[in-house]
Amino acid sequence: MNSKARFGIGEVVRHKQFDFRGVVFDVDPVFANSEEWYESIPSEMRPKREQPFYHLLAENDEASYVAYVSQQNLEADSEGGPIEHPNVAELFDEFRDGRYRLRRRLTH
Protein backbone atom coordinates (compact mmCIF):
# COMPACT_ATOMS: atom_id res chain seq x y z
CA MET A 1 0.00 0.00 0.00
CA ASN A 2 1.80 3.09 -1.22
CA SER A 3 -0.16 6.19 -0.26
CA LYS A 4 0.21 9.59 -1.86
CA ALA A 5 2.11 12.30 0.00
CA ARG A 6 -0.37 14.48 1.88
CA PHE A 7 2.10 17.33 2.50
CA GLY A 8 4.43 19.13 0.13
CA ILE A 9 7.76 20.93 0.35
CA GLY A 10 7.29 24.17 2.29
CA GLU A 11 4.19 23.10 4.20
CA VAL A 12 4.10 23.60 7.96
CA VAL A 13 3.04 20.53 9.94
CA ARG A 14 2.61 19.50 13.56
CA HIS A 15 3.34 16.08 15.13
CA LYS A 16 0.17 14.43 16.45
CA GLN A 17 1.77 12.87 19.56
CA PHE A 18 4.78 15.02 20.39
CA ASP A 19 4.90 18.74 20.93
CA PHE A 20 6.79 19.94 17.88
CA ARG A 21 6.12 21.48 14.51
CA GLY A 22 8.19 21.93 11.40
CA VAL A 23 8.41 22.76 7.73
CA VAL A 24 8.73 19.95 5.14
CA PHE A 25 11.97 20.14 3.14
CA ASP A 26 12.00 16.65 1.59
CA VAL A 27 9.65 13.69 1.16
CA ASP A 28 10.42 9.98 0.85
CA PRO A 29 7.56 8.02 -0.80
CA VAL A 30 8.24 5.15 1.64
CA PHE A 31 10.51 4.68 4.66
CA ALA A 32 14.14 5.38 3.68
CA ASN A 33 16.03 5.75 6.94
CA SER A 34 18.27 3.23 8.71
CA GLU A 35 17.03 -0.03 10.18
CA GLU A 36 18.61 1.03 13.48
CA TRP A 37 16.51 4.24 13.48
CA TYR A 38 13.34 2.26 12.73
CA GLU A 39 14.00 -0.34 15.43
CA SER A 40 14.68 2.40 18.01
CA ILE A 41 11.00 3.39 17.90
CA PRO A 42 8.94 1.51 20.51
CA SER A 43 7.02 -1.23 18.70
CA GLU A 44 3.61 0.02 19.85
CA MET A 45 4.38 3.41 18.25
CA ARG A 46 6.35 2.22 15.21
CA PRO A 47 4.79 3.52 11.98
CA LYS A 48 4.23 1.42 8.87
CA ARG A 49 7.08 1.65 6.36
CA GLU A 50 4.80 1.82 3.30
CA GLN A 51 3.78 5.46 3.60
CA PRO A 52 5.42 8.80 2.91
CA PHE A 53 8.02 9.99 5.42
CA TYR A 54 8.90 13.65 5.77
CA HIS A 55 12.16 15.44 6.50
CA LEU A 56 11.34 18.46 8.65
CA LEU A 57 13.15 21.51 9.93
CA ALA A 58 11.52 21.08 13.32
CA GLU A 59 11.28 23.01 16.55
CA ASN A 60 9.81 22.79 20.00
CA ASP A 61 10.08 25.13 22.98
CA GLU A 62 13.63 23.99 23.75
CA ALA A 63 15.39 23.30 20.45
CA SER A 64 15.57 23.35 16.67
CA TYR A 65 16.48 20.12 14.89
CA VAL A 66 15.86 17.93 11.84
CA ALA A 67 13.10 15.33 12.23
CA TYR A 68 12.05 12.34 10.11
CA VAL A 69 8.34 11.64 10.57
CA SER A 70 5.76 9.30 9.05
CA GLN A 71 2.68 10.72 7.38
CA GLN A 72 0.38 9.03 9.92
CA ASN A 73 1.94 11.15 12.70
CA LEU A 74 1.56 14.56 11.05
CA GLU A 75 -1.22 17.07 10.55
CA ALA A 76 -1.28 20.42 8.76
CA ASP A 77 -0.44 23.46 10.88
CA SER A 78 -0.57 26.45 8.57
CA GLU A 79 -2.39 28.49 11.23
CA GLY A 80 0.52 28.28 13.67
CA GLY A 81 2.65 30.85 11.86
CA PRO A 82 6.25 30.62 10.69
CA ILE A 83 8.88 28.21 11.96
CA GLU A 84 11.83 29.79 13.81
CA HIS A 85 14.36 27.09 12.81
CA PRO A 86 17.75 28.70 11.99
CA ASN A 87 18.07 26.82 8.67
CA VAL A 88 14.72 27.90 7.23
CA ALA A 89 16.30 30.89 5.43
CA GLU A 90 18.82 28.61 3.68
CA LEU A 91 16.08 26.59 1.98
CA PHE A 92 13.08 28.87 1.80
CA ASP A 93 12.08 32.40 0.94
CA GLU A 94 9.11 34.06 2.54
CA PHE A 95 6.32 32.49 4.58
CA ARG A 96 3.07 33.39 2.81
CA ASP A 97 -0.46 31.99 2.88
CA GLY A 98 0.51 29.41 5.50
CA ARG A 99 3.49 27.90 3.67
CA TYR A 100 7.07 28.57 2.64
CA ARG A 101 8.29 29.12 -0.90
CA LEU A 102 11.42 27.16 -1.86
CA ARG A 103 14.33 29.43 -2.81
CA ARG A 104 14.60 29.69 -6.59
CA ARG A 105 18.21 28.51 -6.72
CA LEU A 106 17.10 25.23 -5.12
CA THR A 107 14.31 24.39 -7.54
CA HIS A 108 15.12 22.11 -10.47
PDB file of N, CA and C in Angstrom:
ATOM      1  N   MET A   1       0.847  -1.188   0.000  1.00  0.00           N
ATOM      2  CA  MET A   1       0.000   0.000   0.000  1.00  0.00           C
ATOM      3  C   MET A   1       0.886   1.243   0.000  1.00  0.00           C
ATOM      4  N   ASN A   2       0.968   1.904  -1.112  1.00  0.00           N
ATOM      5  CA  ASN A   2       1.798   3.093  -1.221  1.00  0.00           C
ATOM      6  C   ASN A   2       0.878   4.300  -1.328  1.00  0.00           C
ATOM      7  N   SER A   3       0.761   5.059  -0.234  1.00  0.00           N
ATOM      8  CA  SER A   3      -0.156   6.192  -0.258  1.00  0.00           C
ATOM      9  C   SER A   3       0.526   7.442  -0.791  1.00  0.00           C
ATOM     10  N   LYS A   4      -0.273   8.340  -1.276  1.00  0.00           N
ATOM     11  CA  LYS A   4       0.206   9.592  -1.856  1.00  0.00           C
ATOM     12  C   LYS A   4       0.609  10.551  -0.732  1.00  0.00           C
ATOM     13  N   ALA A   5       1.645  11.325  -0.993  1.00  0.00           N
ATOM     14  CA  ALA A   5       2.109  12.302  -0.005  1.00  0.00           C
ATOM     15  C   ALA A   5       1.023  13.346   0.241  1.00  0.00           C
ATOM     16  N   ARG A   6       0.677  13.537   1.485  1.00  0.00           N
ATOM     17  CA  ARG A   6      -0.371  14.479   1.880  1.00  0.00           C
ATOM     18  C   ARG A   6       0.168  15.901   2.015  1.00  0.00           C
ATOM     19  N   PHE A   7       1.482  16.018   2.284  1.00  0.00           N
ATOM     20  CA  PHE A   7       2.099  17.327   2.502  1.00  0.00           C
ATOM     21  C   PHE A   7       3.209  17.550   1.491  1.00  0.00           C
ATOM     22  N   GLY A   8       3.414  18.807   1.118  1.00  0.00           N
ATOM     23  CA  GLY A   8       4.431  19.131   0.134  1.00  0.00           C
ATOM     24  C   GLY A   8       5.564  19.952   0.735  1.00  0.00           C
ATOM     25  N   ILE A   9       6.617  20.123  -0.049  1.00  0.00           N
ATOM     26  CA  ILE A   9       7.761  20.933   0.355  1.00  0.00           C
ATOM     27  C   ILE A   9       7.265  22.342   0.710  1.00  0.00           C
ATOM     28  N   GLY A  10       7.680  22.824   1.863  1.00  0.00           N
ATOM     29  CA  GLY A  10       7.292  24.171   2.285  1.00  0.00           C
ATOM     30  C   GLY A  10       6.073  24.219   3.185  1.00  0.00           C
ATOM     31  N   GLU A  11       5.368  23.101   3.326  1.00  0.00           N
ATOM     32  CA  GLU A  11       4.195  23.102   4.205  1.00  0.00           C
ATOM     33  C   GLU A  11       4.597  22.974   5.664  1.00  0.00           C
ATOM     34  N   VAL A  12       3.867  23.655   6.526  1.00  0.00           N
ATOM     35  CA  VAL A  12       4.102  23.596   7.963  1.00  0.00           C
ATOM     36  C   VAL A  12       3.174  22.530   8.552  1.00  0.00           C
ATOM     37  N   VAL A  13       3.777  21.649   9.350  1.00  0.00           N
ATOM     38  CA  VAL A  13       3.035  20.532   9.937  1.00  0.00           C
ATOM     39  C   VAL A  13       3.315  20.454  11.436  1.00  0.00           C
ATOM     40  N   ARG A  14       2.475  19.709  12.122  1.00  0.00           N
ATOM     41  CA  ARG A  14       2.608  19.495  13.561  1.00  0.00           C
ATOM     42  C   ARG A  14       2.543  17.985  13.808  1.00  0.00           C
ATOM     43  N   HIS A  15       3.370  17.503  14.764  1.00  0.00           N
ATOM     44  CA  HIS A  15       3.338  16.084  15.130  1.00  0.00           C
ATOM     45  C   HIS A  15       2.095  15.830  15.974  1.00  0.00           C
ATOM     46  N   LYS A  16       1.412  14.730  15.727  1.00  0.00           N
ATOM     47  CA  LYS A  16       0.166  14.426  16.446  1.00  0.00           C
ATOM     48  C   LYS A  16       0.396  14.007  17.898  1.00  0.00           C
ATOM     49  N   GLN A  17       1.525  13.350  18.195  1.00  0.00           N
ATOM     50  CA  GLN A  17       1.769  12.872  19.558  1.00  0.00           C
ATOM     51  C   GLN A  17       2.736  13.732  20.354  1.00  0.00           C
ATOM     52  N   PHE A  18       3.734  14.269  19.684  1.00  0.00           N
ATOM     53  CA  PHE A  18       4.777  15.022  20.385  1.00  0.00           C
ATOM     54  C   PHE A  18       4.643  16.502  20.092  1.00  0.00           C
ATOM     55  N   ASP A  19       5.097  17.306  21.032  1.00  0.00           N
ATOM     56  CA  ASP A  19       4.896  18.741  20.931  1.00  0.00           C
ATOM     57  C   ASP A  19       5.983  19.408  20.091  1.00  0.00           C
ATOM     58  N   PHE A  20       5.910  19.194  18.764  1.00  0.00           N
ATOM     59  CA  PHE A  20       6.793  19.939  17.880  1.00  0.00           C
ATOM     60  C   PHE A  20       6.125  20.159  16.543  1.00  0.00           C
ATOM     61  N   ARG A  21       6.619  21.171  15.847  1.00  0.00           N
ATOM     62  CA  ARG A  21       6.125  21.477  14.506  1.00  0.00           C
ATOM     63  C   ARG A  21       7.316  21.729  13.614  1.00  0.00           C
ATOM     64  N   GLY A  22       7.082  21.726  12.314  1.00  0.00           N
ATOM     65  CA  GLY A  22       8.189  21.930  11.396  1.00  0.00           C
ATOM     66  C   GLY A  22       7.718  22.228   9.994  1.00  0.00           C
ATOM     67  N   VAL A  23       8.700  22.513   9.138  1.00  0.00           N
ATOM     68  CA  VAL A  23       8.410  22.756   7.728  1.00  0.00           C
ATOM     69  C   VAL A  23       9.040  21.617   6.926  1.00  0.00           C
ATOM     70  N   VAL A  24       8.279  21.062   5.969  1.00  0.00           N
ATOM     71  CA  VAL A  24       8.727  19.946   5.135  1.00  0.00           C
ATOM     72  C   VAL A  24       9.792  20.450   4.157  1.00  0.00           C
ATOM     73  N   PHE A  25      10.969  19.782   4.139  1.00  0.00           N
ATOM     74  CA  PHE A  25      11.970  20.140   3.141  1.00  0.00           C
ATOM     75  C   PHE A  25      12.318  18.984   2.208  1.00  0.00           C
ATOM     76  N   ASP A  26      11.813  17.787   2.497  1.00  0.00           N
ATOM     77  CA  ASP A  26      11.997  16.651   1.592  1.00  0.00           C
ATOM     78  C   ASP A  26      10.967  15.589   1.944  1.00  0.00           C
ATOM     79  N   VAL A  27      10.640  14.745   0.957  1.00  0.00           N
ATOM     80  CA  VAL A  27       9.650  13.689   1.162  1.00  0.00           C
ATOM     81  C   VAL A  27      10.187  12.391   0.563  1.00  0.00           C
ATOM     82  N   ASP A  28      10.117  11.322   1.348  1.00  0.00           N
ATOM     83  CA  ASP A  28      10.418   9.980   0.846  1.00  0.00           C
ATOM     84  C   ASP A  28       9.084   9.281   0.628  1.00  0.00           C
ATOM     85  N   PRO A  29       8.857   8.680  -0.549  1.00  0.00           N
ATOM     86  CA  PRO A  29       7.558   8.022  -0.801  1.00  0.00           C
ATOM     87  C   PRO A  29       7.280   6.854   0.143  1.00  0.00           C
ATOM     88  N   VAL A  30       8.336   6.199   0.619  1.00  0.00           N
ATOM     89  CA  VAL A  30       8.236   5.152   1.637  1.00  0.00           C
ATOM     90  C   VAL A  30       9.429   5.321   2.577  1.00  0.00           C
ATOM     91  N   PHE A  31       9.436   4.590   3.686  1.00  0.00           N
ATOM     92  CA  PHE A  31      10.514   4.679   4.660  1.00  0.00           C
ATOM     93  C   PHE A  31      11.877   4.518   3.999  1.00  0.00           C
ATOM     94  N   ALA A  32      12.810   5.438   4.292  1.00  0.00           N
ATOM     95  CA  ALA A  32      14.137   5.379   3.678  1.00  0.00           C
ATOM     96  C   ALA A  32      15.223   5.784   4.667  1.00  0.00           C
ATOM     97  N   ASN A  33      15.020   5.463   5.928  1.00  0.00           N
ATOM     98  CA  ASN A  33      16.029   5.746   6.938  1.00  0.00           C
ATOM     99  C   ASN A  33      16.678   4.424   7.336  1.00  0.00           C
ATOM    100  N   SER A  34      17.558   4.443   8.322  1.00  0.00           N
ATOM    101  CA  SER A  34      18.274   3.225   8.705  1.00  0.00           C
ATOM    102  C   SER A  34      17.379   2.262   9.490  1.00  0.00           C
ATOM    103  N   GLU A  35      17.738   1.011   9.421  1.00  0.00           N
ATOM    104  CA  GLU A  35      17.034  -0.028  10.178  1.00  0.00           C
ATOM    105  C   GLU A  35      17.166   0.241  11.674  1.00  0.00           C
ATOM    106  N   GLU A  36      18.343   0.710  12.082  1.00  0.00           N
ATOM    107  CA  GLU A  36      18.607   1.034  13.483  1.00  0.00           C
ATOM    108  C   GLU A  36      17.641   2.128  13.966  1.00  0.00           C
ATOM    109  N   TRP A  37      17.438   3.147  13.142  1.00  0.00           N
ATOM    110  CA  TRP A  37      16.509   4.238  13.484  1.00  0.00           C
ATOM    111  C   TRP A  37      15.104   3.669  13.665  1.00  0.00           C
ATOM    112  N   TYR A  38      14.688   2.838  12.714  1.00  0.00           N
ATOM    113  CA  TYR A  38      13.337   2.263  12.733  1.00  0.00           C
ATOM    114  C   TYR A  38      13.135   1.404  13.984  1.00  0.00           C
ATOM    115  N   GLU A  39      14.107   0.558  14.287  1.00  0.00           N
ATOM    116  CA  GLU A  39      14.003  -0.340  15.430  1.00  0.00           C
ATOM    117  C   GLU A  39      14.058   0.407  16.771  1.00  0.00           C
ATOM    118  N   SER A  40      14.592   1.627  16.771  1.00  0.00           N
ATOM    119  CA  SER A  40      14.683   2.398  18.014  1.00  0.00           C
ATOM    120  C   SER A  40      13.323   2.950  18.458  1.00  0.00           C
ATOM    121  N   ILE A  41      12.352   2.927  17.562  1.00  0.00           N
ATOM    122  CA  ILE A  41      11.001   3.390  17.901  1.00  0.00           C
ATOM    123  C   ILE A  41      10.282   2.271  18.644  1.00  0.00           C
ATOM    124  N   PRO A  42       9.679   2.564  19.794  1.00  0.00           N
ATOM    125  CA  PRO A  42       8.942   1.512  20.514  1.00  0.00           C
ATOM    126  C   PRO A  42       7.915   0.840  19.597  1.00  0.00           C
ATOM    127  N   SER A  43       7.846  -0.479  19.650  1.00  0.00           N
ATOM    128  CA  SER A  43       7.020  -1.230  18.697  1.00  0.00           C
ATOM    129  C   SER A  43       5.557  -0.789  18.672  1.00  0.00           C
ATOM    130  N   GLU A  44       5.019  -0.398  19.835  1.00  0.00           N
ATOM    131  CA  GLU A  44       3.609   0.025  19.845  1.00  0.00           C
ATOM    132  C   GLU A  44       3.398   1.375  19.156  1.00  0.00           C
ATOM    133  N   MET A  45       4.481   2.106  18.919  1.00  0.00           N
ATOM    134  CA  MET A  45       4.380   3.412  18.249  1.00  0.00           C
ATOM    135  C   MET A  45       4.982   3.393  16.847  1.00  0.00           C
ATOM    136  N   ARG A  46       5.604   2.291  16.473  1.00  0.00           N
ATOM    137  CA  ARG A  46       6.348   2.215  15.210  1.00  0.00           C
ATOM    138  C   ARG A  46       5.401   2.353  14.010  1.00  0.00           C
ATOM    139  N   PRO A  47       5.674   3.320  13.144  1.00  0.00           N
ATOM    140  CA  PRO A  47       4.791   3.516  11.984  1.00  0.00           C
ATOM    141  C   PRO A  47       5.047   2.479  10.890  1.00  0.00           C
ATOM    142  N   LYS A  48       4.060   2.295  10.031  1.00  0.00           N
ATOM    143  CA  LYS A  48       4.230   1.417   8.871  1.00  0.00           C
ATOM    144  C   LYS A  48       5.273   2.039   7.942  1.00  0.00           C
ATOM    145  N   ARG A  49       6.044   1.175   7.277  1.00  0.00           N
ATOM    146  CA  ARG A  49       7.077   1.651   6.356  1.00  0.00           C
ATOM    147  C   ARG A  49       6.487   2.140   5.035  1.00  0.00           C
ATOM    148  N   GLU A  50       5.365   1.561   4.623  1.00  0.00           N
ATOM    149  CA  GLU A  50       4.803   1.822   3.301  1.00  0.00           C
ATOM    150  C   GLU A  50       3.907   3.047   3.304  1.00  0.00           C
ATOM    151  N   GLN A  51       4.490   4.190   3.620  1.00  0.00           N
ATOM    152  CA  GLN A  51       3.780   5.461   3.602  1.00  0.00           C
ATOM    153  C   GLN A  51       4.832   6.544   3.430  1.00  0.00           C
ATOM    154  N   PRO A  52       4.434   7.721   3.019  1.00  0.00           N
ATOM    155  CA  PRO A  52       5.418   8.798   2.912  1.00  0.00           C
ATOM    156  C   PRO A  52       6.019   9.155   4.275  1.00  0.00           C
ATOM    157  N   PHE A  53       7.306   9.484   4.250  1.00  0.00           N
ATOM    158  CA  PHE A  53       8.024   9.987   5.421  1.00  0.00           C
ATOM    159  C   PHE A  53       8.575  11.354   5.051  1.00  0.00           C
ATOM    160  N   TYR A  54       8.549  12.257   6.018  1.00  0.00           N
ATOM    161  CA  TYR A  54       8.896  13.652   5.766  1.00  0.00           C
ATOM    162  C   TYR A  54      10.131  14.076   6.546  1.00  0.00           C
ATOM    163  N   HIS A  55      10.999  14.805   5.867  1.00  0.00           N
ATOM    164  CA  HIS A  55      12.159  15.439   6.501  1.00  0.00           C
ATOM    165  C   HIS A  55      11.702  16.844   6.878  1.00  0.00           C
ATOM    166  N   LEU A  56      11.822  17.169   8.154  1.00  0.00           N
ATOM    167  CA  LEU A  56      11.337  18.462   8.645  1.00  0.00           C
ATOM    168  C   LEU A  56      12.449  19.273   9.297  1.00  0.00           C
ATOM    169  N   LEU A  57      12.406  20.580   9.076  1.00  0.00           N
ATOM    170  CA  LEU A  57      13.146  21.505   9.929  1.00  0.00           C
ATOM    171  C   LEU A  57      12.183  21.731  11.078  1.00  0.00           C
ATOM    172  N   ALA A  58      12.475  21.130  12.214  1.00  0.00           N
ATOM    173  CA  ALA A  58      11.518  21.079  13.319  1.00  0.00           C
ATOM    174  C   ALA A  58      11.962  21.925  14.492  1.00  0.00           C
ATOM    175  N   GLU A  59      10.981  22.250  15.335  1.00  0.00           N
ATOM    176  CA  GLU A  59      11.276  23.010  16.547  1.00  0.00           C
ATOM    177  C   GLU A  59      10.250  22.689  17.616  1.00  0.00           C
ATOM    178  N   ASN A  60      10.710  22.805  18.857  1.00  0.00           N
ATOM    179  CA  ASN A  60       9.810  22.791  19.998  1.00  0.00           C
ATOM    180  C   ASN A  60      10.228  23.959  20.889  1.00  0.00           C
ATOM    181  N   ASP A  61       9.751  24.001  22.107  1.00  0.00           N
ATOM    182  CA  ASP A  61      10.085  25.131  22.983  1.00  0.00           C
ATOM    183  C   ASP A  61      11.560  25.181  23.365  1.00  0.00           C
ATOM    184  N   GLU A  62      12.245  24.049  23.299  1.00  0.00           N
ATOM    185  CA  GLU A  62      13.631  23.992  23.753  1.00  0.00           C
ATOM    186  C   GLU A  62      14.665  24.023  22.640  1.00  0.00           C
ATOM    187  N   ALA A  63      14.348  23.508  21.458  1.00  0.00           N
ATOM    188  CA  ALA A  63      15.394  23.295  20.454  1.00  0.00           C
ATOM    189  C   ALA A  63      14.867  23.338  19.023  1.00  0.00           C
ATOM    190  N   SER A  64      15.823  23.491  18.108  1.00  0.00           N
ATOM    191  CA  SER A  64      15.566  23.347  16.671  1.00  0.00           C
ATOM    192  C   SER A  64      16.379  22.148  16.197  1.00  0.00           C
ATOM    193  N   TYR A  65      15.809  21.337  15.321  1.00  0.00           N
ATOM    194  CA  TYR A  65      16.480  20.115  14.890  1.00  0.00           C
ATOM    195  C   TYR A  65      15.860  19.634  13.589  1.00  0.00           C
ATOM    196  N   VAL A  66      16.424  18.564  13.025  1.00  0.00           N
ATOM    197  CA  VAL A  66      15.856  17.931  11.838  1.00  0.00           C
ATOM    198  C   VAL A  66      15.130  16.677  12.303  1.00  0.00           C
ATOM    199  N   ALA A  67      13.894  16.502  11.842  1.00  0.00           N
ATOM    200  CA  ALA A  67      13.101  15.333  12.227  1.00  0.00           C
ATOM    201  C   ALA A  67      12.713  14.537  10.987  1.00  0.00           C
ATOM    202  N   TYR A  68      12.496  13.251  11.180  1.00  0.00           N
ATOM    203  CA  TYR A  68      12.053  12.344  10.114  1.00  0.00           C
ATOM    204  C   TYR A  68      10.772  11.699  10.626  1.00  0.00           C
ATOM    205  N   VAL A  69       9.641  12.014   9.991  1.00  0.00           N
ATOM    206  CA  VAL A  69       8.342  11.645  10.565  1.00  0.00           C
ATOM    207  C   VAL A  69       7.439  11.010   9.515  1.00  0.00           C
ATOM    208  N   SER A  70       6.718   9.969   9.933  1.00  0.00           N
ATOM    209  CA  SER A  70       5.763   9.300   9.047  1.00  0.00           C
ATOM    210  C   SER A  70       4.520  10.161   8.843  1.00  0.00           C
ATOM    211  N   GLN A  71       3.892   9.964   7.702  1.00  0.00           N
ATOM    212  CA  GLN A  71       2.681  10.723   7.384  1.00  0.00           C
ATOM    213  C   GLN A  71       1.589  10.530   8.428  1.00  0.00           C
ATOM    214  N   GLN A  72       1.453   9.309   8.957  1.00  0.00           N
ATOM    215  CA  GLN A  72       0.375   9.033   9.924  1.00  0.00           C
ATOM    216  C   GLN A  72       0.512   9.863  11.195  1.00  0.00           C
ATOM    217  N   ASN A  73       1.709  10.386  11.476  1.00  0.00           N
ATOM    218  CA  ASN A  73       1.937  11.148  12.696  1.00  0.00           C
ATOM    219  C   ASN A  73       1.929  12.662  12.499  1.00  0.00           C
ATOM    220  N   LEU A  74       1.553  13.120  11.314  1.00  0.00           N
ATOM    221  CA  LEU A  74       1.563  14.558  11.046  1.00  0.00           C
ATOM    222  C   LEU A  74       0.186  15.086  10.683  1.00  0.00           C
ATOM    223  N   GLU A  75      -0.021  16.362  10.992  1.00  0.00           N
ATOM    224  CA  GLU A  75      -1.216  17.069  10.546  1.00  0.00           C
ATOM    225  C   GLU A  75      -0.799  18.475  10.123  1.00  0.00           C
ATOM    226  N   ALA A  76      -1.582  19.072   9.244  1.00  0.00           N
ATOM    227  CA  ALA A  76      -1.280  20.417   8.760  1.00  0.00           C
ATOM    228  C   ALA A  76      -1.330  21.415   9.908  1.00  0.00           C
ATOM    229  N   ASP A  77      -0.474  22.431   9.830  1.00  0.00           N
ATOM    230  CA  ASP A  77      -0.438  23.455  10.879  1.00  0.00           C
ATOM    231  C   ASP A  77      -0.131  24.825  10.273  1.00  0.00           C
ATOM    232  N   SER A  78      -0.822  25.171   9.229  1.00  0.00           N
ATOM    233  CA  SER A  78      -0.565  26.453   8.567  1.00  0.00           C
ATOM    234  C   SER A  78      -1.018  27.639   9.411  1.00  0.00           C
ATOM    235  N   GLU A  79      -1.892  27.402  10.382  1.00  0.00           N
ATOM    236  CA  GLU A  79      -2.393  28.487  11.230  1.00  0.00           C
ATOM    237  C   GLU A  79      -1.386  28.900  12.296  1.00  0.00           C
ATOM    238  N   GLY A  80      -0.405  28.039  12.572  1.00  0.00           N
ATOM    239  CA  GLY A  80       0.524  28.285  13.666  1.00  0.00           C
ATOM    240  C   GLY A  80       1.586  29.329  13.395  1.00  0.00           C
ATOM    241  N   GLY A  81       1.649  29.840  12.178  1.00  0.00           N
ATOM    242  CA  GLY A  81       2.650  30.850  11.859  1.00  0.00           C
ATOM    243  C   GLY A  81       3.968  30.237  11.438  1.00  0.00           C
ATOM    244  N   PRO A  82       4.966  31.099  11.199  1.00  0.00           N
ATOM    245  CA  PRO A  82       6.254  30.623  10.688  1.00  0.00           C
ATOM    246  C   PRO A  82       7.021  29.768  11.692  1.00  0.00           C
ATOM    247  N   ILE A  83       7.975  29.035  11.170  1.00  0.00           N
ATOM    248  CA  ILE A  83       8.881  28.211  11.962  1.00  0.00           C
ATOM    249  C   ILE A  83      10.135  29.046  12.226  1.00  0.00           C
ATOM    250  N   GLU A  84      10.660  28.975  13.443  1.00  0.00           N
ATOM    251  CA  GLU A  84      11.827  29.788  13.806  1.00  0.00           C
ATOM    252  C   GLU A  84      13.156  29.048  13.623  1.00  0.00           C
ATOM    253  N   HIS A  85      13.143  27.894  12.992  1.00  0.00           N
ATOM    254  CA  HIS A  85      14.359  27.085  12.813  1.00  0.00           C
ATOM    255  C   HIS A  85      15.434  27.911  12.109  1.00  0.00           C
ATOM    256  N   PRO A  86      16.694  27.871  12.591  1.00  0.00           N
ATOM    257  CA  PRO A  86      17.747  28.699  11.994  1.00  0.00           C
ATOM    258  C   PRO A  86      18.083  28.375  10.538  1.00  0.00           C
ATOM    259  N   ASN A  87      17.754  27.183  10.054  1.00  0.00           N
ATOM    260  CA  ASN A  87      18.065  26.816   8.673  1.00  0.00           C
ATOM    261  C   ASN A  87      16.962  27.123   7.667  1.00  0.00           C
ATOM    262  N   VAL A  88      15.830  27.613   8.138  1.00  0.00           N
ATOM    263  CA  VAL A  88      14.715  27.905   7.226  1.00  0.00           C
ATOM    264  C   VAL A  88      15.151  28.847   6.106  1.00  0.00           C
ATOM    265  N   ALA A  89      15.899  29.899   6.434  1.00  0.00           N
ATOM    266  CA  ALA A  89      16.301  30.889   5.429  1.00  0.00           C
ATOM    267  C   ALA A  89      17.239  30.316   4.367  1.00  0.00           C
ATOM    268  N   GLU A  90      17.935  29.227   4.679  1.00  0.00           N
ATOM    269  CA  GLU A  90      18.817  28.606   3.683  1.00  0.00           C
ATOM    270  C   GLU A  90      18.026  27.911   2.582  1.00  0.00           C
ATOM    271  N   LEU A  91      16.870  27.370   2.929  1.00  0.00           N
ATOM    272  CA  LEU A  91      16.083  26.593   1.978  1.00  0.00           C
ATOM    273  C   LEU A  91      14.890  27.338   1.403  1.00  0.00           C
ATOM    274  N   PHE A  92      14.336  28.258   2.187  1.00  0.00           N
ATOM    275  CA  PHE A  92      13.076  28.869   1.805  1.00  0.00           C
ATOM    276  C   PHE A  92      13.143  30.387   1.775  1.00  0.00           C
ATOM    277  N   ASP A  93      12.290  30.963   0.941  1.00  0.00           N
ATOM    278  CA  ASP A  93      12.081  32.402   0.936  1.00  0.00           C
ATOM    279  C   ASP A  93      10.989  32.705   1.950  1.00  0.00           C
ATOM    280  N   GLU A  94      10.119  33.575   1.608  1.00  0.00           N
ATOM    281  CA  GLU A  94       9.105  34.058   2.544  1.00  0.00           C
ATOM    282  C   GLU A  94       8.068  33.008   2.947  1.00  0.00           C
ATOM    283  N   PHE A  95       7.451  33.270   4.077  1.00  0.00           N
ATOM    284  CA  PHE A  95       6.315  32.488   4.577  1.00  0.00           C
ATOM    285  C   PHE A  95       5.079  33.266   4.166  1.00  0.00           C
ATOM    286  N   ARG A  96       4.246  32.685   3.296  1.00  0.00           N
ATOM    287  CA  ARG A  96       3.068  33.389   2.811  1.00  0.00           C
ATOM    288  C   ARG A  96       1.919  32.407   2.617  1.00  0.00           C
ATOM    289  N   ASP A  97       0.743  32.823   3.013  1.00  0.00           N
ATOM    290  CA  ASP A  97      -0.458  31.988   2.880  1.00  0.00           C
ATOM    291  C   ASP A  97      -0.287  30.627   3.560  1.00  0.00           C
ATOM    292  N   GLY A  98       0.390  30.633   4.716  1.00  0.00           N
ATOM    293  CA  GLY A  98       0.506  29.413   5.499  1.00  0.00           C
ATOM    294  C   GLY A  98       1.570  28.434   5.060  1.00  0.00           C
ATOM    295  N   ARG A  99       2.430  28.820   4.105  1.00  0.00           N
ATOM    296  CA  ARG A  99       3.494  27.905   3.669  1.00  0.00           C
ATOM    297  C   ARG A  99       4.717  28.683   3.222  1.00  0.00           C
ATOM    298  N   TYR A 100       5.823  27.971   3.107  1.00  0.00           N
ATOM    299  CA  TYR A 100       7.069  28.574   2.644  1.00  0.00           C
ATOM    300  C   TYR A 100       7.246  28.341   1.157  1.00  0.00           C
ATOM    301  N   ARG A 101       7.930  29.273   0.515  1.00  0.00           N
ATOM    302  CA  ARG A 101       8.291  29.123  -0.898  1.00  0.00           C
ATOM    303  C   ARG A 101       9.754  28.705  -0.956  1.00  0.00           C
ATOM    304  N   LEU A 102      10.046  27.633  -1.697  1.00  0.00           N
ATOM    305  CA  LEU A 102      11.423  27.161  -1.864  1.00  0.00           C
ATOM    306  C   LEU A 102      12.240  28.248  -2.573  1.00  0.00           C
ATOM    307  N   ARG A 103      13.465  28.456  -2.138  1.00  0.00           N
ATOM    308  CA  ARG A 103      14.332  29.428  -2.807  1.00  0.00           C
ATOM    309  C   ARG A 103      14.515  29.025  -4.258  1.00  0.00           C
ATOM    310  N   ARG A 104      14.502  29.977  -5.156  1.00  0.00           N
ATOM    311  CA  ARG A 104      14.598  29.695  -6.592  1.00  0.00           C
ATOM    312  C   ARG A 104      15.838  28.901  -6.961  1.00  0.00           C
ATOM    313  N   ARG A 105      16.967  29.224  -6.363  1.00  0.00           N
ATOM    314  CA  ARG A 105      18.208  28.514  -6.717  1.00  0.00           C
ATOM    315  C   ARG A 105      18.170  27.026  -6.343  1.00  0.00           C
ATOM    316  N   LEU A 106      17.194  26.627  -5.529  1.00  0.00           N
ATOM    317  CA  LEU A 106      17.096  25.235  -5.115  1.00  0.00           C
ATOM    318  C   LEU A 106      16.073  24.446  -5.920  1.00  0.00           C
ATOM    319  N   THR A 107      15.307  25.127  -6.744  1.00  0.00           N
ATOM    320  CA  THR A 107      14.310  24.388  -7.537  1.00  0.00           C
ATOM    321  C   THR A 107      14.991  23.862  -8.792  1.00  0.00           C
ATOM    322  N   HIS A 108      14.487  22.754  -9.297  1.00  0.00           N
ATOM    323  CA  HIS A 108      15.116  22.111 -10.468  1.00  0.00           C
ATOM    324  C   HIS A 108      14.590  22.690 -11.750  1.00  0.00           C
TER     325      HIS A 108
END
